[in-house]
């Protein structure tokens, strides 16, 4: 199976599940986001996991083709950069995260964007090839 399809089949449903979880349990996710936006081990571990996942994607799929596959490459690089930021520059990462998740409306917008991206990647990964 082509790597792009394989990664779309992993990332797509994961994003859909995360988005649905956020939308269905918004109060709980707001608490988790607030906990994640404090200095501590959770910030470091999320950075480490993001860095590992991002590097895995970048090393398997560093393709800059002008089609849907570039989304996977961009996500890999964003995960890598985000992981490095949380590990090396945690104060900046906290400031950026606090700006993105500044309230309930922004959490809903992030969930909707994540869900749409996940649905698109799931469709691309699982649609039947002609």
N, C-alpha and C. Protein backbone atom coordinates (compact mmCIF):
# COMPACT_ATOMS: atom_id res chain seq x y z
N UNK A 1 0.85 -1.18 0.00
CA UNK A 1 0.00 0.00 0.00
C UNK A 1 0.89 1.24 0.00
N UNK A 2 0.48 2.21 -0.74
CA UNK A 2 1.22 3.45 -0.82
C UNK A 2 1.27 4.13 0.56
N UNK A 3 2.41 4.70 0.89
CA UNK A 3 2.59 5.32 2.21
C UNK A 3 1.57 6.42 2.48
N UNK A 4 1.24 7.19 1.47
CA UNK A 4 0.26 8.26 1.67
C UNK A 4 -1.07 7.70 2.13
N UNK A 5 -1.52 6.62 1.51
CA UNK A 5 -2.79 6.00 1.89
C UNK A 5 -2.69 5.42 3.30
N UNK A 6 -1.59 4.76 3.59
CA UNK A 6 -1.38 4.18 4.91
C UNK A 6 -1.46 5.26 5.99
N UNK A 7 -0.74 6.36 5.80
CA UNK A 7 -0.75 7.43 6.80
C UNK A 7 -2.11 8.13 6.88
N UNK A 8 -2.78 8.29 5.74
CA UNK A 8 -4.12 8.89 5.76
C UNK A 8 -5.09 8.00 6.54
N UNK A 9 -4.91 6.68 6.44
CA UNK A 9 -5.77 5.74 7.16
C UNK A 9 -5.50 5.75 8.66
N UNK A 10 -4.34 6.20 9.06
CA UNK A 10 -4.02 6.30 10.50
C UNK A 10 -4.39 7.68 11.03
N UNK A 11 -3.95 8.72 10.35
CA UNK A 11 -4.15 10.09 10.84
C UNK A 11 -5.62 10.50 10.73
N UNK A 12 -6.27 10.15 9.63
CA UNK A 12 -7.66 10.57 9.41
C UNK A 12 -8.60 10.15 10.53
N UNK A 13 -8.74 8.85 10.79
CA UNK A 13 -9.64 8.43 11.87
C UNK A 13 -9.23 8.94 13.25
N UNK A 14 -7.93 9.09 13.48
CA UNK A 14 -7.47 9.63 14.76
C UNK A 14 -7.95 11.06 14.95
N UNK A 15 -7.85 11.86 13.90
CA UNK A 15 -8.33 13.24 13.96
C UNK A 15 -9.85 13.29 14.13
N UNK A 16 -10.57 12.42 13.44
CA UNK A 16 -12.03 12.40 13.57
C UNK A 16 -12.42 12.05 15.00
N UNK A 17 -11.78 11.02 15.57
CA UNK A 17 -12.08 10.62 16.95
C UNK A 17 -11.77 11.75 17.93
N UNK A 18 -10.63 12.41 17.76
CA UNK A 18 -10.26 13.52 18.65
C UNK A 18 -11.28 14.65 18.54
N UNK A 19 -11.69 14.97 17.33
CA UNK A 19 -12.65 16.06 17.12
C UNK A 19 -14.00 15.71 17.73
N UNK A 20 -14.47 14.49 17.51
CA UNK A 20 -15.75 14.08 18.10
C UNK A 20 -15.66 14.10 19.63
N UNK A 21 -14.56 13.63 20.16
CA UNK A 21 -14.37 13.67 21.61
C UNK A 21 -14.44 15.08 22.15
N UNK A 22 -13.79 16.01 21.45
CA UNK A 22 -13.81 17.41 21.89
C UNK A 22 -15.22 17.98 21.84
N UNK A 23 -15.95 17.70 20.76
CA UNK A 23 -17.28 18.29 20.60
C UNK A 23 -18.30 17.68 21.56
N UNK A 24 -18.19 16.37 21.80
CA UNK A 24 -19.15 15.70 22.67
C UNK A 24 -18.86 15.99 24.15
N UNK A 25 -17.60 16.12 24.49
CA UNK A 25 -17.18 16.32 25.89
C UNK A 25 -16.44 17.64 26.06
N UNK A 26 -17.01 18.70 25.57
CA UNK A 26 -16.32 19.98 25.52
C UNK A 26 -15.84 20.44 26.90
N UNK A 27 -16.66 20.30 27.92
CA UNK A 27 -16.24 20.74 29.26
C UNK A 27 -15.01 19.97 29.73
N UNK A 28 -15.02 18.67 29.53
CA UNK A 28 -13.89 17.85 29.95
C UNK A 28 -12.63 18.20 29.17
N UNK A 29 -12.78 18.43 27.87
CA UNK A 29 -11.63 18.77 27.05
C UNK A 29 -11.09 20.15 27.39
N UNK A 30 -11.96 21.08 27.75
CA UNK A 30 -11.48 22.39 28.18
C UNK A 30 -10.62 22.26 29.43
N UNK A 31 -10.99 21.37 30.35
CA UNK A 31 -10.19 21.12 31.54
C UNK A 31 -8.85 20.50 31.16
N UNK A 32 -8.87 19.52 30.25
CA UNK A 32 -7.63 18.88 29.81
C UNK A 32 -6.71 19.87 29.10
N UNK A 33 -7.28 20.73 28.29
CA UNK A 33 -6.49 21.74 27.59
C UNK A 33 -5.85 22.69 28.60
N UNK A 34 -6.63 23.10 29.59
CA UNK A 34 -6.08 23.99 30.63
C UNK A 34 -4.93 23.32 31.37
N UNK A 35 -5.07 22.02 31.66
CA UNK A 35 -4.00 21.30 32.33
C UNK A 35 -2.76 21.20 31.43
N UNK A 36 -2.99 21.00 30.14
CA UNK A 36 -1.88 20.90 29.20
C UNK A 36 -1.17 22.21 28.94
N UNK A 37 -1.83 23.31 29.26
CA UNK A 37 -1.24 24.62 29.04
C UNK A 37 -0.57 25.17 30.30
N UNK A 38 -0.09 24.27 31.13
CA UNK A 38 0.69 24.65 32.31
C UNK A 38 2.05 23.99 32.20
N UNK A 39 3.07 24.64 32.70
CA UNK A 39 4.39 24.00 32.70
C UNK A 39 4.35 22.70 33.51
N UNK A 40 5.01 21.68 33.01
CA UNK A 40 5.04 20.43 33.74
C UNK A 40 5.31 19.25 32.83
N UNK A 41 5.18 18.08 33.41
CA UNK A 41 5.52 16.86 32.71
C UNK A 41 4.58 16.60 31.53
N UNK A 42 3.32 17.00 31.63
CA UNK A 42 2.38 16.79 30.54
C UNK A 42 2.80 17.54 29.28
N UNK A 43 3.28 18.76 29.47
CA UNK A 43 3.77 19.54 28.34
C UNK A 43 4.97 18.85 27.69
N UNK A 44 5.89 18.38 28.51
CA UNK A 44 7.07 17.69 28.00
C UNK A 44 6.70 16.41 27.27
N UNK A 45 5.84 15.58 27.89
CA UNK A 45 5.47 14.31 27.26
C UNK A 45 4.70 14.52 25.96
N UNK A 46 3.84 15.51 25.93
CA UNK A 46 3.12 15.78 24.68
C UNK A 46 4.09 16.25 23.60
N UNK A 47 5.10 17.00 23.99
CA UNK A 47 6.13 17.41 23.03
C UNK A 47 6.94 16.24 22.53
N UNK A 48 7.29 15.35 23.43
CA UNK A 48 8.06 14.17 23.05
C UNK A 48 7.27 13.28 22.09
N UNK A 49 6.01 13.03 22.40
CA UNK A 49 5.17 12.20 21.52
C UNK A 49 4.93 12.87 20.17
N UNK A 50 4.71 14.17 20.20
CA UNK A 50 4.51 14.90 18.95
C UNK A 50 5.77 14.87 18.09
N UNK A 51 6.91 15.04 18.72
CA UNK A 51 8.19 14.99 18.00
C UNK A 51 8.40 13.61 17.38
N UNK A 52 8.16 12.56 18.14
CA UNK A 52 8.35 11.20 17.62
C UNK A 52 7.41 10.91 16.46
N UNK A 53 6.13 11.24 16.62
CA UNK A 53 5.16 10.99 15.55
C UNK A 53 5.48 11.84 14.32
N UNK A 54 5.82 13.10 14.55
CA UNK A 54 6.15 13.98 13.43
C UNK A 54 7.37 13.50 12.66
N UNK A 55 8.41 13.09 13.39
CA UNK A 55 9.61 12.58 12.71
C UNK A 55 9.31 11.29 11.94
N UNK A 56 8.46 10.44 12.50
CA UNK A 56 8.08 9.22 11.78
C UNK A 56 7.40 9.56 10.46
N UNK A 57 6.47 10.50 10.51
CA UNK A 57 5.76 10.90 9.29
C UNK A 57 6.73 11.54 8.30
N UNK A 58 7.55 12.47 8.77
CA UNK A 58 8.48 13.16 7.87
C UNK A 58 9.46 12.19 7.23
N UNK A 59 9.94 11.22 8.00
CA UNK A 59 10.89 10.27 7.44
C UNK A 59 10.24 9.27 6.48
N UNK A 60 8.96 8.99 6.67
CA UNK A 60 8.26 8.08 5.77
C UNK A 60 7.63 8.82 4.58
N UNK A 61 7.35 10.10 4.76
CA UNK A 61 6.50 10.79 3.79
C UNK A 61 6.87 12.26 3.67
N UNK A 62 8.03 12.56 3.17
CA UNK A 62 8.44 13.95 2.97
C UNK A 62 8.25 14.30 1.50
N UNK A 63 6.99 14.30 1.08
CA UNK A 63 6.65 14.53 -0.33
C UNK A 63 5.95 15.87 -0.47
N UNK A 64 6.49 16.70 -1.33
CA UNK A 64 5.94 18.04 -1.53
C UNK A 64 5.25 18.14 -2.88
N UNK A 65 4.38 17.15 -3.17
CA UNK A 65 3.58 17.17 -4.40
C UNK A 65 2.37 18.06 -4.19
N UNK A 66 1.96 18.73 -5.24
CA UNK A 66 0.82 19.64 -5.12
C UNK A 66 -0.50 18.88 -5.30
N UNK A 67 -0.79 17.99 -4.37
CA UNK A 67 -2.07 17.32 -4.30
C UNK A 67 -2.38 17.06 -2.84
N UNK A 68 -3.36 16.23 -2.54
CA UNK A 68 -3.80 16.03 -1.16
C UNK A 68 -2.70 15.46 -0.27
N UNK A 69 -1.74 14.77 -0.85
CA UNK A 69 -0.68 14.13 -0.07
C UNK A 69 0.21 15.13 0.68
N UNK A 70 0.28 16.35 0.19
CA UNK A 70 1.10 17.37 0.87
C UNK A 70 0.55 17.67 2.26
N UNK A 71 -0.73 17.42 2.50
CA UNK A 71 -1.31 17.65 3.82
C UNK A 71 -0.62 16.77 4.85
N UNK A 72 -0.34 15.53 4.49
CA UNK A 72 0.33 14.61 5.41
C UNK A 72 1.73 15.11 5.73
N UNK A 73 2.45 15.55 4.71
CA UNK A 73 3.80 16.09 4.92
C UNK A 73 3.76 17.31 5.82
N UNK A 74 2.85 18.23 5.56
CA UNK A 74 2.73 19.44 6.37
C UNK A 74 2.39 19.08 7.82
N UNK A 75 1.47 18.15 8.00
CA UNK A 75 1.14 17.72 9.37
C UNK A 75 2.36 17.13 10.08
N UNK A 76 3.14 16.33 9.36
CA UNK A 76 4.35 15.77 9.94
C UNK A 76 5.32 16.85 10.39
N UNK A 77 5.51 17.85 9.55
CA UNK A 77 6.42 18.94 9.91
C UNK A 77 5.87 19.78 11.06
N UNK A 78 4.55 20.04 11.05
CA UNK A 78 3.95 20.80 12.16
C UNK A 78 4.08 20.05 13.47
N UNK A 79 3.89 18.73 13.44
CA UNK A 79 4.05 17.92 14.65
C UNK A 79 5.50 17.95 15.13
N UNK A 80 6.43 17.85 14.20
CA UNK A 80 7.85 17.89 14.55
C UNK A 80 8.21 19.23 15.18
N UNK A 81 7.83 20.30 14.53
CA UNK A 81 8.14 21.65 15.04
C UNK A 81 7.45 21.89 16.38
N UNK A 82 6.17 21.48 16.49
CA UNK A 82 5.45 21.64 17.74
C UNK A 82 6.09 20.86 18.88
N UNK A 83 6.54 19.65 18.58
CA UNK A 83 7.22 18.85 19.61
C UNK A 83 8.51 19.49 20.06
N UNK A 84 9.29 19.96 19.11
CA UNK A 84 10.54 20.64 19.46
C UNK A 84 10.27 21.88 20.29
N UNK A 85 9.26 22.65 19.90
CA UNK A 85 8.93 23.87 20.65
C UNK A 85 8.55 23.54 22.10
N UNK A 86 7.74 22.50 22.30
CA UNK A 86 7.32 22.15 23.66
C UNK A 86 8.48 21.65 24.51
N UNK A 87 9.47 21.01 23.88
CA UNK A 87 10.61 20.50 24.63
C UNK A 87 11.67 21.58 24.86
N UNK A 88 11.99 22.35 23.81
CA UNK A 88 13.10 23.29 23.88
C UNK A 88 12.65 24.68 24.35
N UNK A 89 11.50 25.13 23.89
CA UNK A 89 11.01 26.48 24.21
C UNK A 89 9.60 26.40 24.80
N UNK A 90 9.45 25.80 25.97
CA UNK A 90 8.10 25.57 26.51
C UNK A 90 7.31 26.85 26.80
N UNK A 91 7.98 27.93 27.17
CA UNK A 91 7.24 29.17 27.45
C UNK A 91 6.58 29.71 26.18
N UNK A 92 7.29 29.65 25.08
CA UNK A 92 6.70 30.10 23.81
C UNK A 92 5.56 29.18 23.41
N UNK A 93 5.76 27.86 23.57
CA UNK A 93 4.71 26.90 23.24
C UNK A 93 3.46 27.15 24.07
N UNK A 94 3.63 27.45 25.34
CA UNK A 94 2.49 27.75 26.20
C UNK A 94 1.77 29.02 25.75
N UNK A 95 2.53 30.04 25.35
CA UNK A 95 1.92 31.28 24.88
C UNK A 95 1.12 31.05 23.60
N UNK A 96 1.69 30.29 22.68
CA UNK A 96 0.98 29.98 21.42
C UNK A 96 -0.28 29.17 21.72
N UNK A 97 -0.15 28.15 22.55
CA UNK A 97 -1.30 27.32 22.90
C UNK A 97 -2.39 28.12 23.59
N UNK A 98 -2.01 29.02 24.47
CA UNK A 98 -2.99 29.85 25.16
C UNK A 98 -3.71 30.78 24.19
N UNK A 99 -3.01 31.22 23.16
CA UNK A 99 -3.65 32.07 22.15
C UNK A 99 -4.64 31.26 21.31
N UNK A 100 -4.24 30.06 20.92
CA UNK A 100 -5.11 29.23 20.08
C UNK A 100 -6.35 28.80 20.86
N UNK A 101 -6.16 28.35 22.10
CA UNK A 101 -7.28 27.87 22.92
C UNK A 101 -7.68 28.94 23.92
N UNK A 102 -8.16 30.06 23.41
CA UNK A 102 -8.49 31.19 24.27
C UNK A 102 -9.92 31.17 24.80
N UNK A 103 -10.69 30.16 24.46
CA UNK A 103 -12.06 30.09 24.95
C UNK A 103 -12.81 28.95 24.31
N UNK A 104 -14.05 28.82 24.71
CA UNK A 104 -14.90 27.73 24.21
C UNK A 104 -15.07 27.78 22.70
N UNK A 105 -15.28 28.96 22.15
CA UNK A 105 -15.48 29.08 20.70
C UNK A 105 -14.25 28.63 19.94
N UNK A 106 -13.07 28.97 20.41
CA UNK A 106 -11.86 28.57 19.70
C UNK A 106 -11.65 27.06 19.79
N UNK A 107 -12.02 26.44 20.91
CA UNK A 107 -11.92 24.98 21.03
C UNK A 107 -12.87 24.31 20.05
N UNK A 108 -14.05 24.87 19.87
CA UNK A 108 -15.01 24.32 18.91
C UNK A 108 -14.48 24.46 17.49
N UNK A 109 -13.91 25.61 17.17
CA UNK A 109 -13.35 25.82 15.83
C UNK A 109 -12.21 24.84 15.57
N UNK A 110 -11.32 24.67 16.55
CA UNK A 110 -10.21 23.72 16.40
C UNK A 110 -10.76 22.31 16.18
N UNK A 111 -11.79 21.92 16.94
CA UNK A 111 -12.39 20.60 16.79
C UNK A 111 -13.01 20.43 15.40
N UNK A 112 -13.69 21.44 14.91
CA UNK A 112 -14.32 21.35 13.58
C UNK A 112 -13.27 21.26 12.48
N UNK A 113 -12.20 22.03 12.58
CA UNK A 113 -11.14 21.97 11.58
C UNK A 113 -10.45 20.60 11.64
N UNK A 114 -10.17 20.13 12.84
CA UNK A 114 -9.54 18.81 13.00
C UNK A 114 -10.44 17.71 12.44
N UNK A 115 -11.73 17.79 12.73
CA UNK A 115 -12.68 16.80 12.23
C UNK A 115 -12.79 16.81 10.72
N UNK A 116 -12.84 18.00 10.13
CA UNK A 116 -12.93 18.10 8.67
C UNK A 116 -11.67 17.55 8.01
N UNK A 117 -10.52 17.89 8.57
CA UNK A 117 -9.25 17.38 8.03
C UNK A 117 -9.19 15.86 8.18
N UNK A 118 -9.62 15.36 9.32
CA UNK A 118 -9.64 13.91 9.54
C UNK A 118 -10.59 13.20 8.61
N UNK A 119 -11.77 13.78 8.38
CA UNK A 119 -12.74 13.18 7.46
C UNK A 119 -12.18 13.16 6.04
N UNK A 120 -11.53 14.23 5.64
CA UNK A 120 -10.95 14.29 4.30
C UNK A 120 -9.86 13.23 4.14
N UNK A 121 -8.96 13.14 5.12
CA UNK A 121 -7.89 12.14 5.03
C UNK A 121 -8.44 10.72 5.09
N UNK A 122 -9.46 10.50 5.90
CA UNK A 122 -10.09 9.18 5.96
C UNK A 122 -10.70 8.83 4.61
N UNK A 123 -11.39 9.78 4.01
CA UNK A 123 -11.98 9.56 2.69
C UNK A 123 -10.90 9.20 1.67
N UNK A 124 -9.82 9.97 1.66
CA UNK A 124 -8.73 9.71 0.70
C UNK A 124 -8.08 8.36 0.99
N UNK A 125 -7.92 8.02 2.26
CA UNK A 125 -7.24 6.79 2.61
C UNK A 125 -8.06 5.55 2.35
N UNK A 126 -9.38 5.65 2.53
CA UNK A 126 -10.24 4.46 2.45
C UNK A 126 -11.10 4.40 1.20
N UNK A 127 -11.11 5.45 0.38
CA UNK A 127 -11.97 5.39 -0.80
C UNK A 127 -11.45 4.32 -1.76
N UNK A 128 -12.37 3.69 -2.45
CA UNK A 128 -12.03 2.61 -3.35
C UNK A 128 -11.34 3.18 -4.60
N UNK A 129 -10.22 2.60 -4.95
CA UNK A 129 -9.48 3.02 -6.13
C UNK A 129 -10.10 2.41 -7.39
N UNK A 130 -10.21 3.22 -8.43
CA UNK A 130 -10.77 2.72 -9.70
C UNK A 130 -9.70 2.00 -10.50
